[in-house]
Full PDB file with SEQRES, HELIX, SHEET, SSBOND, CRYST1, ORIGX, SCALE, CONECT and MASTER records, all heavy atoms in Angstrom:
SEQRES   1 A   37  TYR ARG GLN VAL GLN GLY LYS ALA ARG GLU PHE VAL ALA          
SEQRES   2 A   37  ARG ILE ALA ILE GLY GLY SER THR ASN TYR ALA ASP SER          
SEQRES   3 A   37  VAL LYS GLY ARG PHE THR ILE SER ARG ASP ASN                  
SHEET    1 AA1 2 ALA A  13  ILE A  15  0                                        
SHEET    2 AA1 2 THR A  21  TYR A  23 -1                                        
CRYST1    1.000    1.000    1.000  90.00  90.00  90.00 P 1           1          
ORIGX1      1.000000  0.000000  0.000000        0.00000                         
ORIGX2      0.000000  1.000000  0.000000        0.00000                         
ORIGX3      0.000000  0.000000  1.000000        0.00000                         
SCALE1      1.000000  0.000000  0.000000        0.00000                         
SCALE2      0.000000  1.000000  0.000000        0.00000                         
SCALE3      0.000000  0.000000  1.000000        0.00000                         
ATOM      1  N   TYR A   1     142.170  37.426 106.311  1.00  0.00           N  
ATOM      2  CA  TYR A   1     142.665  37.943 105.023  1.00  0.00           C  
ATOM      3  C   TYR A   1     141.835  39.153 104.618  1.00  0.00           C  
ATOM      4  O   TYR A   1     140.765  39.397 105.117  1.00  0.00           O  
ATOM      5  CB  TYR A   1     142.564  36.888 103.914  1.00  0.00           C  
ATOM      6  CG  TYR A   1     143.602  35.778 103.950  1.00  0.00           C  
ATOM      7  CD1 TYR A   1     143.587  34.839 104.913  1.00  0.00           C  
ATOM      8  CD2 TYR A   1     144.633  35.751 103.033  1.00  0.00           C  
ATOM      9  CE1 TYR A   1     144.549  33.804 105.002  1.00  0.00           C  
ATOM     10  CE2 TYR A   1     145.601  34.742 103.018  1.00  0.00           C  
ATOM     11  CZ  TYR A   1     145.533  33.778 103.996  1.00  0.00           C  
ATOM     12  OH  TYR A   1     146.492  32.776 104.058  1.00  0.00           O  
ATOM     13  N   ARG A   2     142.375  39.927 103.667  1.00  0.00           N  
ATOM     14  CA  ARG A   2     141.606  41.060 103.138  1.00  0.00           C  
ATOM     15  C   ARG A   2     141.820  41.176 101.636  1.00  0.00           C  
ATOM     16  O   ARG A   2     142.836  40.681 101.124  1.00  0.00           O  
ATOM     17  CB  ARG A   2     141.977  42.349 103.863  1.00  0.00           C  
ATOM     18  CG  ARG A   2     143.387  42.837 103.628  1.00  0.00           C  
ATOM     19  CD  ARG A   2     143.726  44.024 104.505  1.00  0.00           C  
ATOM     20  NE  ARG A   2     145.096  44.539 104.332  1.00  0.00           N  
ATOM     21  CZ  ARG A   2     145.641  45.477 105.062  1.00  0.00           C  
ATOM     22  NH1 ARG A   2     144.969  46.018 106.060  1.00  0.00           N  
ATOM     23  NH2 ARG A   2     146.900  45.900 104.757  1.00  0.00           N  
ATOM     24  N   GLN A   3     140.898  41.825 100.976  1.00  0.00           N  
ATOM     25  CA  GLN A   3     140.957  41.957  99.505  1.00  0.00           C  
ATOM     26  C   GLN A   3     140.355  43.250  99.031  1.00  0.00           C  
ATOM     27  O   GLN A   3     139.198  43.567  99.423  1.00  0.00           O  
ATOM     28  CB  GLN A   3     140.230  40.727  98.871  1.00  0.00           C  
ATOM     29  CG  GLN A   3     140.356  40.674  97.355  1.00  0.00           C  
ATOM     30  CD  GLN A   3     139.827  39.344  96.769  1.00  0.00           C  
ATOM     31  OE1 GLN A   3     138.877  38.768  97.331  1.00  0.00           O  
ATOM     32  NE2 GLN A   3     140.384  38.915  95.691  1.00  0.00           N  
ATOM     33  N   VAL A   4     141.066  43.877  98.156  1.00  0.00           N  
ATOM     34  CA  VAL A   4     140.569  45.064  97.427  1.00  0.00           C  
ATOM     35  C   VAL A   4     140.086  44.539  96.071  1.00  0.00           C  
ATOM     36  O   VAL A   4     140.767  43.734  95.475  1.00  0.00           O  
ATOM     37  CB  VAL A   4     141.645  46.132  97.293  1.00  0.00           C  
ATOM     38  CG1 VAL A   4     141.138  47.320  96.465  1.00  0.00           C  
ATOM     39  CG2 VAL A   4     142.140  46.620  98.647  1.00  0.00           C  
ATOM     40  N   GLN A   5     138.953  45.082  95.599  1.00  0.00           N  
ATOM     41  CA  GLN A   5     138.449  44.724  94.280  1.00  0.00           C  
ATOM     42  C   GLN A   5     139.475  44.796  93.243  1.00  0.00           C  
ATOM     43  O   GLN A   5     140.135  45.821  93.087  1.00  0.00           O  
ATOM     44  CB  GLN A   5     137.195  45.430  93.949  1.00  0.00           C  
ATOM     45  CG  GLN A   5     136.452  44.916  92.697  1.00  0.00           C  
ATOM     46  CD  GLN A   5     135.141  45.569  92.505  1.00  0.00           C  
ATOM     47  OE1 GLN A   5     134.666  46.379  93.330  1.00  0.00           O  
ATOM     48  NE2 GLN A   5     134.467  45.261  91.405  1.00  0.00           N  
ATOM     49  N   GLY A   6     139.638  43.729  92.437  1.00  0.00           N  
ATOM     50  CA  GLY A   6     140.633  43.674  91.372  1.00  0.00           C  
ATOM     51  C   GLY A   6     142.033  43.311  91.786  1.00  0.00           C  
ATOM     52  O   GLY A   6     142.901  43.221  90.924  1.00  0.00           O  
ATOM     53  N   LYS A   7     142.213  43.050  93.080  1.00  0.00           N  
ATOM     54  CA  LYS A   7     143.595  42.630  93.552  1.00  0.00           C  
ATOM     55  C   LYS A   7     143.497  41.285  94.261  1.00  0.00           C  
ATOM     56  O   LYS A   7     142.431  40.815  94.566  1.00  0.00           O  
ATOM     57  CB  LYS A   7     144.143  43.706  94.490  1.00  0.00           C  
ATOM     58  CG  LYS A   7     144.194  45.096  93.928  1.00  0.00           C  
ATOM     59  CD  LYS A   7     145.344  45.913  94.533  1.00  0.00           C  
ATOM     60  CE  LYS A   7     146.636  45.411  93.994  1.00  0.00           C  
ATOM     61  NZ  LYS A   7     147.771  46.245  94.500  1.00  0.00           N  
ATOM     62  N   ALA A   8     144.602  40.686  94.473  1.00  0.00           N  
ATOM     63  CA  ALA A   8     144.683  39.371  95.116  1.00  0.00           C  
ATOM     64  C   ALA A   8     144.381  39.494  96.605  1.00  0.00           C  
ATOM     65  O   ALA A   8     144.607  40.489  97.222  1.00  0.00           O  
ATOM     66  CB  ALA A   8     146.088  38.793  94.950  1.00  0.00           C  
ATOM     67  N   ARG A   9     143.771  38.426  97.094  1.00  0.00           N  
ATOM     68  CA  ARG A   9     143.541  38.328  98.564  1.00  0.00           C  
ATOM     69  C   ARG A   9     144.874  38.340  99.336  1.00  0.00           C  
ATOM     70  O   ARG A   9     145.794  37.580  98.930  1.00  0.00           O  
ATOM     71  CB  ARG A   9     142.726  37.105  98.819  1.00  0.00           C  
ATOM     72  CG  ARG A   9     142.027  37.115 100.193  1.00  0.00           C  
ATOM     73  CD  ARG A   9     140.930  35.985 100.285  1.00  0.00           C  
ATOM     74  NE  ARG A   9     139.841  36.289  99.392  1.00  0.00           N  
ATOM     75  CZ  ARG A   9     138.722  35.489  99.315  1.00  0.00           C  
ATOM     76  NH1 ARG A   9     138.632  34.430 100.086  1.00  0.00           N  
ATOM     77  NH2 ARG A   9     137.794  35.823  98.511  1.00  0.00           N  
ATOM     78  N   GLU A  10     144.922  39.130 100.404  1.00  0.00           N  
ATOM     79  CA  GLU A  10     146.157  39.357 101.132  1.00  0.00           C  
ATOM     80  C   GLU A  10     146.094  38.847 102.598  1.00  0.00           C  
ATOM     81  O   GLU A  10     145.053  39.109 103.235  1.00  0.00           O  
ATOM     82  CB  GLU A  10     146.456  40.879 101.133  1.00  0.00           C  
ATOM     83  CG  GLU A  10     147.629  41.330 101.978  1.00  0.00           C  
ATOM     84  CD  GLU A  10     147.737  42.823 102.094  1.00  0.00           C  
ATOM     85  OE1 GLU A  10     146.685  43.505 102.029  1.00  0.00           O  
ATOM     86  OE2 GLU A  10     148.853  43.306 102.336  1.00  0.00           O  
ATOM     87  N   PHE A  11     147.075  38.132 102.989  1.00  0.00           N  
ATOM     88  CA  PHE A  11     147.180  37.659 104.344  1.00  0.00           C  
ATOM     89  C   PHE A  11     147.225  38.836 105.351  1.00  0.00           C  
ATOM     90  O   PHE A  11     147.995  39.721 105.111  1.00  0.00           O  
ATOM     91  CB  PHE A  11     148.370  36.723 104.524  1.00  0.00           C  
ATOM     92  CG  PHE A  11     148.696  36.377 105.951  1.00  0.00           C  
ATOM     93  CD1 PHE A  11     147.963  35.419 106.642  1.00  0.00           C  
ATOM     94  CD2 PHE A  11     149.739  37.035 106.624  1.00  0.00           C  
ATOM     95  CE1 PHE A  11     148.193  35.141 107.965  1.00  0.00           C  
ATOM     96  CE2 PHE A  11     150.005  36.672 107.951  1.00  0.00           C  
ATOM     97  CZ  PHE A  11     149.228  35.750 108.616  1.00  0.00           C  
ATOM     98  N   VAL A  12     146.537  38.766 106.459  1.00  0.00           N  
ATOM     99  CA  VAL A  12     146.571  39.770 107.467  1.00  0.00           C  
ATOM    100  C   VAL A  12     147.143  39.230 108.802  1.00  0.00           C  
ATOM    101  O   VAL A  12     148.107  39.802 109.366  1.00  0.00           O  
ATOM    102  CB  VAL A  12     145.181  40.408 107.749  1.00  0.00           C  
ATOM    103  CG1 VAL A  12     145.197  41.361 108.910  1.00  0.00           C  
ATOM    104  CG2 VAL A  12     144.691  41.056 106.506  1.00  0.00           C  
ATOM    105  N   ALA A  13     146.550  38.134 109.292  1.00  0.00           N  
ATOM    106  CA  ALA A  13     146.981  37.595 110.617  1.00  0.00           C  
ATOM    107  C   ALA A  13     146.510  36.153 110.745  1.00  0.00           C  
ATOM    108  O   ALA A  13     145.533  35.761 110.102  1.00  0.00           O  
ATOM    109  CB  ALA A  13     146.402  38.415 111.741  1.00  0.00           C  
ATOM    110  N   ARG A  14     147.212  35.397 111.569  1.00  0.00           N  
ATOM    111  CA  ARG A  14     146.900  33.999 111.807  1.00  0.00           C  
ATOM    112  C   ARG A  14     147.064  33.715 113.324  1.00  0.00           C  
ATOM    113  O   ARG A  14     147.979  34.241 113.928  1.00  0.00           O  
ATOM    114  CB  ARG A  14     147.800  33.042 111.022  1.00  0.00           C  
ATOM    115  CG  ARG A  14     147.542  31.600 111.188  1.00  0.00           C  
ATOM    116  CD  ARG A  14     148.507  30.745 110.345  1.00  0.00           C  
ATOM    117  NE  ARG A  14     148.258  29.360 110.372  1.00  0.00           N  
ATOM    118  CZ  ARG A  14     148.777  28.487 111.259  1.00  0.00           C  
ATOM    119  NH1 ARG A  14     149.622  28.914 112.163  1.00  0.00           N  
ATOM    120  NH2 ARG A  14     148.458  27.243 111.262  1.00  0.00           N  
ATOM    121  N   ILE A  15     146.227  32.841 113.847  1.00  0.00           N  
ATOM    122  CA  ILE A  15     146.351  32.336 115.200  1.00  0.00           C  
ATOM    123  C   ILE A  15     146.264  30.843 115.179  1.00  0.00           C  
ATOM    124  O   ILE A  15     145.412  30.230 114.599  1.00  0.00           O  
ATOM    125  CB  ILE A  15     145.278  32.997 116.140  1.00  0.00           C  
ATOM    126  CG1 ILE A  15     145.503  32.535 117.603  1.00  0.00           C  
ATOM    127  CG2 ILE A  15     143.850  32.624 115.655  1.00  0.00           C  
ATOM    128  CD1 ILE A  15     144.728  33.436 118.545  1.00  0.00           C  
ATOM    129  N   ALA A  16     147.275  30.237 115.829  1.00  0.00           N  
ATOM    130  CA  ALA A  16     147.344  28.783 115.892  1.00  0.00           C  
ATOM    131  C   ALA A  16     146.449  28.195 116.957  1.00  0.00           C  
ATOM    132  O   ALA A  16     145.838  28.903 117.737  1.00  0.00           O  
ATOM    133  CB  ALA A  16     148.834  28.361 116.130  1.00  0.00           C  
ATOM    134  N   ILE A  17     146.383  26.852 116.937  1.00  0.00           N  
ATOM    135  CA  ILE A  17     145.526  26.194 117.927  1.00  0.00           C  
ATOM    136  C   ILE A  17     145.922  26.534 119.343  1.00  0.00           C  
ATOM    137  O   ILE A  17     145.050  26.772 120.196  1.00  0.00           O  
ATOM    138  CB  ILE A  17     145.619  24.648 117.711  1.00  0.00           C  
ATOM    139  CG1 ILE A  17     145.050  24.278 116.336  1.00  0.00           C  
ATOM    140  CG2 ILE A  17     144.909  23.908 118.798  1.00  0.00           C  
ATOM    141  CD1 ILE A  17     145.358  22.838 115.913  1.00  0.00           C  
ATOM    142  N   GLY A  18     147.197  26.677 119.585  1.00  0.00           N  
ATOM    143  CA  GLY A  18     147.684  26.943 120.974  1.00  0.00           C  
ATOM    144  C   GLY A  18     147.697  28.441 121.287  1.00  0.00           C  
ATOM    145  O   GLY A  18     148.036  28.789 122.373  1.00  0.00           O  
ATOM    146  N   GLY A  19     147.358  29.264 120.329  1.00  0.00           N  
ATOM    147  CA  GLY A  19     147.213  30.708 120.559  1.00  0.00           C  
ATOM    148  C   GLY A  19     148.409  31.560 120.053  1.00  0.00           C  
ATOM    149  O   GLY A  19     148.327  32.794 120.189  1.00  0.00           O  
ATOM    150  N   SER A  20     149.427  30.958 119.501  1.00  0.00           N  
ATOM    151  CA  SER A  20     150.527  31.791 118.987  1.00  0.00           C  
ATOM    152  C   SER A  20     150.026  32.488 117.725  1.00  0.00           C  
ATOM    153  O   SER A  20     149.129  32.023 117.012  1.00  0.00           O  
ATOM    154  CB  SER A  20     151.750  30.926 118.642  1.00  0.00           C  
ATOM    155  OG  SER A  20     151.422  29.948 117.659  1.00  0.00           O  
ATOM    156  N   THR A  21     150.595  33.655 117.420  1.00  0.00           N  
ATOM    157  CA  THR A  21     150.116  34.545 116.387  1.00  0.00           C  
ATOM    158  C   THR A  21     151.180  34.969 115.446  1.00  0.00           C  
ATOM    159  O   THR A  21     152.384  34.996 115.829  1.00  0.00           O  
ATOM    160  CB  THR A  21     149.423  35.804 116.953  1.00  0.00           C  
ATOM    161  OG1 THR A  21     150.332  36.522 117.726  1.00  0.00           O  
ATOM    162  CG2 THR A  21     148.219  35.416 117.803  1.00  0.00           C  
ATOM    163  N   ASN A  22     150.832  35.341 114.210  1.00  0.00           N  
ATOM    164  CA  ASN A  22     151.738  36.025 113.326  1.00  0.00           C  
ATOM    165  C   ASN A  22     150.895  36.966 112.499  1.00  0.00           C  
ATOM    166  O   ASN A  22     149.702  36.803 112.237  1.00  0.00           O  
ATOM    167  CB  ASN A  22     152.589  35.043 112.506  1.00  0.00           C  
ATOM    168  CG  ASN A  22     151.727  34.234 111.534  1.00  0.00           C  
ATOM    169  OD1 ASN A  22     151.065  33.312 111.949  1.00  0.00           O  
ATOM    170  ND2 ASN A  22     151.891  34.515 110.220  1.00  0.00           N  
ATOM    171  N   TYR A  23     151.596  38.026 112.007  1.00  0.00           N  
ATOM    172  CA  TYR A  23     150.960  39.169 111.351  1.00  0.00           C  
ATOM    173  C   TYR A  23     151.709  39.587 110.084  1.00  0.00           C  
ATOM    174  O   TYR A  23     152.945  39.475 110.014  1.00  0.00           O  
ATOM    175  CB  TYR A  23     150.919  40.383 112.258  1.00  0.00           C  
ATOM    176  CG  TYR A  23     150.117  40.204 113.490  1.00  0.00           C  
ATOM    177  CD1 TYR A  23     150.672  39.687 114.691  1.00  0.00           C  
ATOM    178  CD2 TYR A  23     148.730  40.448 113.554  1.00  0.00           C  
ATOM    179  CE1 TYR A  23     149.985  39.484 115.839  1.00  0.00           C  
ATOM    180  CE2 TYR A  23     147.996  40.264 114.661  1.00  0.00           C  
ATOM    181  CZ  TYR A  23     148.604  39.764 115.801  1.00  0.00           C  
ATOM    182  OH  TYR A  23     147.879  39.600 116.975  1.00  0.00           O  
ATOM    183  N   ALA A  24     150.973  40.095 109.151  1.00  0.00           N  
ATOM    184  CA  ALA A  24     151.625  40.783 108.005  1.00  0.00           C  
ATOM    185  C   ALA A  24     152.360  41.994 108.509  1.00  0.00           C  
ATOM    186  O   ALA A  24     151.924  42.665 109.485  1.00  0.00           O  
ATOM    187  CB  ALA A  24     150.586  41.164 106.956  1.00  0.00           C  
ATOM    188  N   ASP A  25     153.448  42.306 107.888  1.00  0.00           N  
ATOM    189  CA  ASP A  25     154.290  43.533 108.322  1.00  0.00           C  
ATOM    190  C   ASP A  25     153.453  44.778 108.254  1.00  0.00           C  
ATOM    191  O   ASP A  25     153.649  45.699 109.082  1.00  0.00           O  
ATOM    192  CB  ASP A  25     155.462  43.668 107.434  1.00  0.00           C  
ATOM    193  CG  ASP A  25     156.587  42.636 107.712  1.00  0.00           C  
ATOM    194  OD1 ASP A  25     156.522  42.018 108.778  1.00  0.00           O  
ATOM    195  OD2 ASP A  25     157.446  42.471 106.871  1.00  0.00           O  
ATOM    196  N   SER A  26     152.511  44.861 107.347  1.00  0.00           N  
ATOM    197  CA  SER A  26     151.702  46.100 107.212  1.00  0.00           C  
ATOM    198  C   SER A  26     150.787  46.397 108.337  1.00  0.00           C  
ATOM    199  O   SER A  26     150.337  47.506 108.484  1.00  0.00           O  
ATOM    200  CB  SER A  26     150.911  46.038 105.861  1.00  0.00           C  
ATOM    201  OG  SER A  26     150.035  44.905 105.898  1.00  0.00           O  
ATOM    202  N   VAL A  27     150.430  45.351 109.163  1.00  0.00           N  
ATOM    203  CA  VAL A  27     149.523  45.575 110.213  1.00  0.00           C  
ATOM    204  C   VAL A  27     150.154  45.343 111.601  1.00  0.00           C  
ATOM    205  O   VAL A  27     149.488  45.541 112.634  1.00  0.00           O  
ATOM    206  CB  VAL A  27     148.260  44.706 110.110  1.00  0.00           C  
ATOM    207  CG1 VAL A  27     147.657  44.878 108.703  1.00  0.00           C  
ATOM    208  CG2 VAL A  27     148.574  43.204 110.350  1.00  0.00           C  
ATOM    209  N   LYS A  28     151.375  44.803 111.645  1.00  0.00           N  
ATOM    210  CA  LYS A  28     152.034  44.530 112.946  1.00  0.00           C  
ATOM    211  C   LYS A  28     152.092  45.727 113.787  1.00  0.00           C  
ATOM    212  O   LYS A  28     152.506  46.829 113.426  1.00  0.00           O  
ATOM    213  CB  LYS A  28     153.434  43.972 112.680  1.00  0.00           C  
ATOM    214  CG  LYS A  28     154.063  43.253 113.826  1.00  0.00           C  
ATOM    215  CD  LYS A  28     155.359  42.532 113.430  1.00  0.00           C  
ATOM    216  CE  LYS A  28     155.053  41.464 112.415  1.00  0.00           C  
ATOM    217  NZ  LYS A  28     156.280  40.726 111.950  1.00  0.00           N  
ATOM    218  N   GLY A  29     151.705  45.563 115.093  1.00  0.00           N  
ATOM    219  CA  GLY A  29     151.657  46.656 116.066  1.00  0.00           C  
ATOM    220  C   GLY A  29     150.397  47.407 116.072  1.00  0.00           C  
ATOM    221  O   GLY A  29     150.159  48.225 116.983  1.00  0.00           O  
ATOM    222  N   ARG A  30     149.496  47.224 115.092  1.00  0.00           N  
ATOM    223  CA  ARG A  30     148.281  47.942 115.005  1.00  0.00           C  
ATOM    224  C   ARG A  30     147.082  46.994 115.169  1.00  0.00           C  
ATOM    225  O   ARG A  30     146.007  47.395 115.710  1.00  0.00           O  
ATOM    226  CB  ARG A  30     148.115  48.665 113.698  1.00  0.00           C  
ATOM    227  CG  ARG A  30     149.198  49.738 113.480  1.00  0.00           C  
ATOM    228  CD  ARG A  30     148.893  50.559 112.243  1.00  0.00           C  
ATOM    229  NE  ARG A  30     148.885  49.764 111.011  1.00  0.00           N  
ATOM    230  CZ  ARG A  30     147.832  49.606 110.232  1.00  0.00           C  
ATOM    231  NH1 ARG A  30     146.701  50.287 110.483  1.00  0.00           N  
ATOM    232  NH2 ARG A  30     147.873  48.891 109.121  1.00  0.00           N  
ATOM    233  N   PHE A  31     147.140  45.753 114.691  1.00  0.00           N  
ATOM    234  CA  PHE A  31     146.081  44.792 114.727  1.00  0.00           C  
ATOM    235  C   PHE A  31     146.417  43.672 115.689  1.00  0.00           C  
ATOM    236  O   PHE A  31     147.605  43.308 115.876  1.00  0.00           O  
ATOM    237  CB  PHE A  31     145.891  44.095 113.361  1.00  0.00           C  
ATOM    238  CG  PHE A  31     145.318  44.990 112.254  1.00  0.00           C  
ATOM    239  CD1 PHE A  31     145.238  46.383 112.402  1.00  0.00           C  
ATOM    240  CD2 PHE A  31     144.886  44.491 111.110  1.00  0.00           C  
ATOM    241  CE1 PHE A  31     144.683  47.198 111.405  1.00  0.00           C  
ATOM    242  CE2 PHE A  31     144.343  45.255 110.064  1.00  0.00           C  
ATOM    243  CZ  PHE A  31     144.243  46.615 110.264  1.00  0.00           C  
ATOM    244  N   THR A  32     145.382  43.113 116.364  1.00  0.00           N  
ATOM    245  CA  THR A  32     145.556  41.993 117.276  1.00  0.00           C  
ATOM    246  C   THR A  32     144.495  40.950 116.888  1.00  0.00           C  
ATOM    247  O   THR A  32     143.245  41.221 116.944  1.00  0.00           O  
ATOM    248  CB  THR A  32     145.356  42.434 118.745  1.00  0.00           C  
ATOM    249  OG1 THR A  32     146.370  43.440 119.037  1.00  0.00           O  
ATOM    250  CG2 THR A  32     145.566  41.240 119.643  1.00  0.00           C  
ATOM    251  N   ILE A  33     144.936  39.698 116.638  1.00  0.00           N  
ATOM    252  CA  ILE A  33     144.038  38.582 116.386  1.00  0.00           C  
ATOM    253  C   ILE A  33     143.895  37.803 117.672  1.00  0.00           C  
ATOM    254  O   ILE A  33     144.841  37.671 118.428  1.00  0.00           O  
ATOM    255  CB  ILE A  33     144.559  37.680 115.226  1.00  0.00           C  
ATOM    256  CG1 ILE A  33     143.546  36.661 114.870  1.00  0.00           C  
ATOM    257  CG2 ILE A  33     145.949  37.061 115.625  1.00  0.00           C  
ATOM    258  CD1 ILE A  33     143.952  35.840 113.606  1.00  0.00           C  
ATOM    259  N   SER A  34     142.685  37.339 117.910  1.00  0.00           N  
ATOM    260  CA  SER A  34     142.421  36.568 119.142  1.00  0.00           C  
ATOM    261  C   SER A  34     141.312  35.579 118.867  1.00  0.00           C  
ATOM    262  O   SER A  34     140.592  35.652 117.856  1.00  0.00           O  
ATOM    263  CB  SER A  34     142.091  37.440 120.330  1.00  0.00           C  
ATOM    264  OG  SER A  34     140.851  38.171 120.067  1.00  0.00           O  
ATOM    265  N   ARG A  35     141.139  34.608 119.747  1.00  0.00           N  
ATOM    266  CA  ARG A  35     140.079  33.601 119.605  1.00  0.00           C  
ATOM    267  C   ARG A  35     139.458  33.261 120.955  1.00  0.00           C  
ATOM    268  O   ARG A  35     140.126  33.351 122.010  1.00  0.00           O  
ATOM    269  CB  ARG A  35     140.612  32.302 118.930  1.00  0.00           C  
ATOM    270  CG  ARG A  35     141.702  31.543 119.796  1.00  0.00           C  
ATOM    271  CD  ARG A  35     142.402  30.486 118.957  1.00  0.00           C  
ATOM    272  NE  ARG A  35     141.455  29.483 118.474  1.00  0.00           N  
ATOM    273  CZ  ARG A  35     141.636  28.751 117.391  1.00  0.00           C  
ATOM    274  NH1 ARG A  35     142.763  28.876 116.652  1.00  0.00           N  
ATOM    275  NH2 ARG A  35     140.724  27.856 116.988  1.00  0.00           N  
ATOM    276  N   ASP A  36     138.166  32.903 120.954  1.00  0.00           N  
ATOM    277  CA  ASP A  36     137.464  32.495 122.097  1.00  0.00           C  
ATOM    278  C   ASP A  36     136.901  31.130 121.745  1.00  0.00           C  
ATOM    279  O   ASP A  36     135.845  31.025 121.161  1.00  0.00           O  
ATOM    280  CB  ASP A  36     136.369  33.511 122.476  1.00  0.00           C  
ATOM    281  CG  ASP A  36     135.690  33.140 123.823  1.00  0.00           C  
ATOM    282  OD1 ASP A  36     135.733  31.975 124.255  1.00  0.00           O  
ATOM    283  OD2 ASP A  36     135.115  34.061 124.426  1.00  0.00           O  
ATOM    284  N   ASN A  37     137.586  30.067 122.248  1.00  0.00           N  
ATOM    285  CA  ASN A  37     137.184  28.716 121.853  1.00  0.00           C  
ATOM    286  C   ASN A  37     135.879  28.330 122.491  1.00  0.00           C  
ATOM    287  O   ASN A  37     135.111  27.541 121.945  1.00  0.00           O  
ATOM    288  CB  ASN A  37     138.251  27.719 122.250  1.00  0.00           C  
ATOM    289  CG  ASN A  37     139.506  27.798 121.356  1.00  0.00           C  
ATOM    290  OD1 ASN A  37     139.450  28.294 120.247  1.00  0.00           O  
ATOM    291  ND2 ASN A  37     140.599  27.349 121.915  1.00  0.00           N  
TER     292      ASN A  37                                                      
MASTER        0    0    0    0    2    0    0    6  291    1    0    3          
END                                                                             
C-alpha cells in the first residue's frame, strides 16, 4: 500500500499464497510484486 500525508492509504498490489497477483489500475504495467518464500 502507499499513503500521501493527509490522504487515505491506497492499495497498490497483492500477491496470493500461490503467487497470483493483482494491481491497482494506476500502477498496472509499471510495477511488479513478487515474493521469495
